[in-house]
C-alpha atoms as a PDB file:
ATOM      1  CA  VAL A   1     -48.671  70.618 -51.917  1.00  0.00           C
ATOM      2  CA  LEU A   2     -48.833  73.736 -54.067  1.00  0.00           C
ATOM      3  CA  TYR A   3     -45.989  76.036 -52.959  1.00  0.00           C
ATOM      4  CA  GLY A   4     -46.082  79.628 -54.157  1.00  0.00           C
ATOM      5  CA  ALA A   5     -49.846  79.408 -54.334  1.00  0.00           C
ATOM      6  CA  THR A   6     -50.606  83.110 -53.934  1.00  0.00           C
ATOM      7  CA  GLY A   7     -48.669  84.357 -56.965  1.00  0.00           C
ATOM      8  CA  TYR A   8     -50.131  84.680 -60.444  1.00  0.00           C
ATOM      9  CA  THR A   9     -49.101  81.198 -61.600  1.00  0.00           C
ATOM     10  CA  GLY A  10     -49.993  79.640 -58.254  1.00  0.00           C
ATOM     11  CA  GLN A  11     -53.517  81.026 -58.477  1.00  0.00           C
ATOM     12  CA  LEU A  12     -53.937  79.576 -61.974  1.00  0.00           C
ATOM     13  CA  VAL A  13     -52.737  76.189 -60.719  1.00  0.00           C
ATOM     14  CA  THR A  14     -55.112  76.469 -57.734  1.00  0.00           C
ATOM     15  CA  ASP A  15     -58.009  76.982 -60.121  1.00  0.00           C
ATOM     16  CA  GLU A  16     -56.979  73.915 -62.144  1.00  0.00           C
ATOM     17  CA  LEU A  17     -56.592  71.718 -59.059  1.00  0.00           C
ATOM     18  CA  VAL A  18     -60.059  72.758 -57.888  1.00  0.00           C
ATOM     19  CA  ARG A  19     -61.491  72.119 -61.371  1.00  0.00           C
ATOM     20  CA  ARG A  20     -60.031  68.605 -61.321  1.00  0.00           C
ATOM     21  CA  GLY A  21     -61.282  67.858 -57.809  1.00  0.00           C
ATOM     22  CA  ALA A  22     -57.767  67.303 -56.455  1.00  0.00           C
ATOM     23  CA  THR A  23     -56.930  67.157 -52.776  1.00  0.00           C
ATOM     24  CA  PHE A  24     -54.146  69.647 -52.070  1.00  0.00           C
ATOM     25  CA  THR A  25     -52.596  72.010 -49.551  1.00  0.00           C
ATOM     26  CA  LEU A  26     -51.859  75.618 -50.420  1.00  0.00           C
ATOM     27  CA  ALA A  27     -48.487  76.847 -49.201  1.00  0.00           C
ATOM     28  CA  GLY A  28     -46.321  79.942 -49.340  1.00  0.00           C
ATOM     29  CA  ARG A  29     -44.972  82.758 -47.194  1.00  0.00           C
ATOM     30  CA  ASN A  30     -47.947  84.976 -46.442  1.00  0.00           C
ATOM     31  CA  PRO A  31     -50.628  83.565 -44.118  1.00  0.00           C
ATOM     32  CA  ASP A  32     -53.135  86.329 -44.891  1.00  0.00           C
ATOM     33  CA  LYS A  33     -52.905  85.779 -48.647  1.00  0.00           C
ATOM     34  CA  LEU A  34     -53.072  81.992 -48.231  1.00  0.00           C
ATOM     35  CA  ALA A  35     -56.191  82.202 -46.069  1.00  0.00           C
ATOM     36  CA  ALA A  36     -57.867  84.503 -48.591  1.00  0.00           C
ATOM     37  CA  LEU A  37     -56.915  82.253 -51.519  1.00  0.00           C
ATOM     38  CA  ALA A  38     -58.221  79.166 -49.726  1.00  0.00           C
ATOM     39  CA  THR A  39     -61.543  80.903 -49.136  1.00  0.00           C
ATOM     40  CA  GLU A  40     -61.942  82.737 -52.451  1.00  0.00           C
ATOM     41  CA  ARG A  41     -60.593  80.235 -54.989  1.00  0.00           C
ATOM     42  CA  GLY A  42     -59.421  77.135 -53.171  1.00  0.00           C
ATOM     43  CA  GLN A  43     -62.796  75.921 -51.916  1.00  0.00           C
ATOM     44  CA  GLY A  44     -61.529  75.879 -48.337  1.00  0.00           C
ATOM     45  CA  ALA A  45     -58.338  73.933 -49.069  1.00  0.00           C
ATOM     46  CA  PRO A  46     -55.974  73.629 -46.104  1.00  0.00           C
ATOM     47  CA  TRP A  47     -53.026  75.995 -46.169  1.00  0.00           C
ATOM     48  CA  ARG A  48     -49.651  76.413 -44.453  1.00  0.00           C
ATOM     49  CA  ALA A  49     -47.389  79.438 -44.301  1.00  0.00           C
ATOM     50  CA  VAL A  50     -43.716  78.422 -44.548  1.00  0.00           C
ATOM     51  CA  ALA A  51     -40.841  80.534 -45.857  1.00  0.00           C
ATOM     52  CA  ALA A  52     -38.779  79.067 -48.686  1.00  0.00           C
ATOM     53  CA  ASP A  53     -35.632  79.314 -46.551  1.00  0.00           C
ATOM     54  CA  ASP A  54     -37.172  77.534 -43.540  1.00  0.00           C
ATOM     55  CA  ARG A  55     -35.646  74.078 -44.000  1.00  0.00           C
ATOM     56  CA  ALA A  56     -37.316  72.495 -40.964  1.00  0.00           C
ATOM     57  CA  GLY A  57     -40.679  74.028 -41.867  1.00  0.00           C
ATOM     58  CA  LEU A  58     -40.427  72.792 -45.446  1.00  0.00           C
ATOM     59  CA  ARG A  59     -39.461  69.289 -44.309  1.00  0.00           C
ATOM     60  CA  ASP A  60     -42.523  69.255 -42.057  1.00  0.00           C
ATOM     61  CA  LEU A  61     -44.775  70.652 -44.799  1.00  0.00           C
ATOM     62  CA  LEU A  62     -43.624  68.116 -47.379  1.00  0.00           C
ATOM     63  CA  ALA A  63     -43.210  65.056 -45.136  1.00  0.00           C
ATOM     64  CA  ASP A  64     -46.445  63.401 -46.256  1.00  0.00           C
ATOM     65  CA  ALA A  65     -46.761  64.997 -49.701  1.00  0.00           C
ATOM     66  CA  ALA A  66     -47.071  62.651 -52.664  1.00  0.00           C
ATOM     67  CA  VAL A  67     -46.537  65.545 -55.100  1.00  0.00           C
ATOM     68  CA  VAL A  68     -45.074  69.038 -54.817  1.00  0.00           C
ATOM     69  CA  ILE A  69     -45.912  71.758 -57.342  1.00  0.00           C
ATOM     70  CA  ASN A  70     -43.525  74.703 -57.018  1.00  0.00           C
ATOM     71  CA  CYS A  71     -44.850  77.986 -58.347  1.00  0.00           C
ATOM     72  CA  ALA A  72     -42.597  80.230 -56.260  1.00  0.00           C
ATOM     73  CA  GLY A  73     -40.767  82.882 -58.258  1.00  0.00           C
ATOM     74  CA  PRO A  74     -39.036  84.962 -59.214  1.00  0.00           C
ATOM     75  CA  PHE A  75     -39.676  84.401 -62.876  1.00  0.00           C
ATOM     76  CA  THR A  76     -37.891  86.251 -65.640  1.00  0.00           C
END
């Protein structure tokens, strides 16, 4: 699961995961941006919109994940 996928760093990681042929799910807060990223750069990867403060949603999102890559900011 790539969380924070629609930010600058998340998009770079998306590109690398696609380049490596990885199976992954894009995740973050904004469903419109996630859908666009999946189509434009993620080669149709599945996506899920879940807020970072939604504990139940995050548990559900990550329940079957073998790896989690967190690219959610803010970065300073």
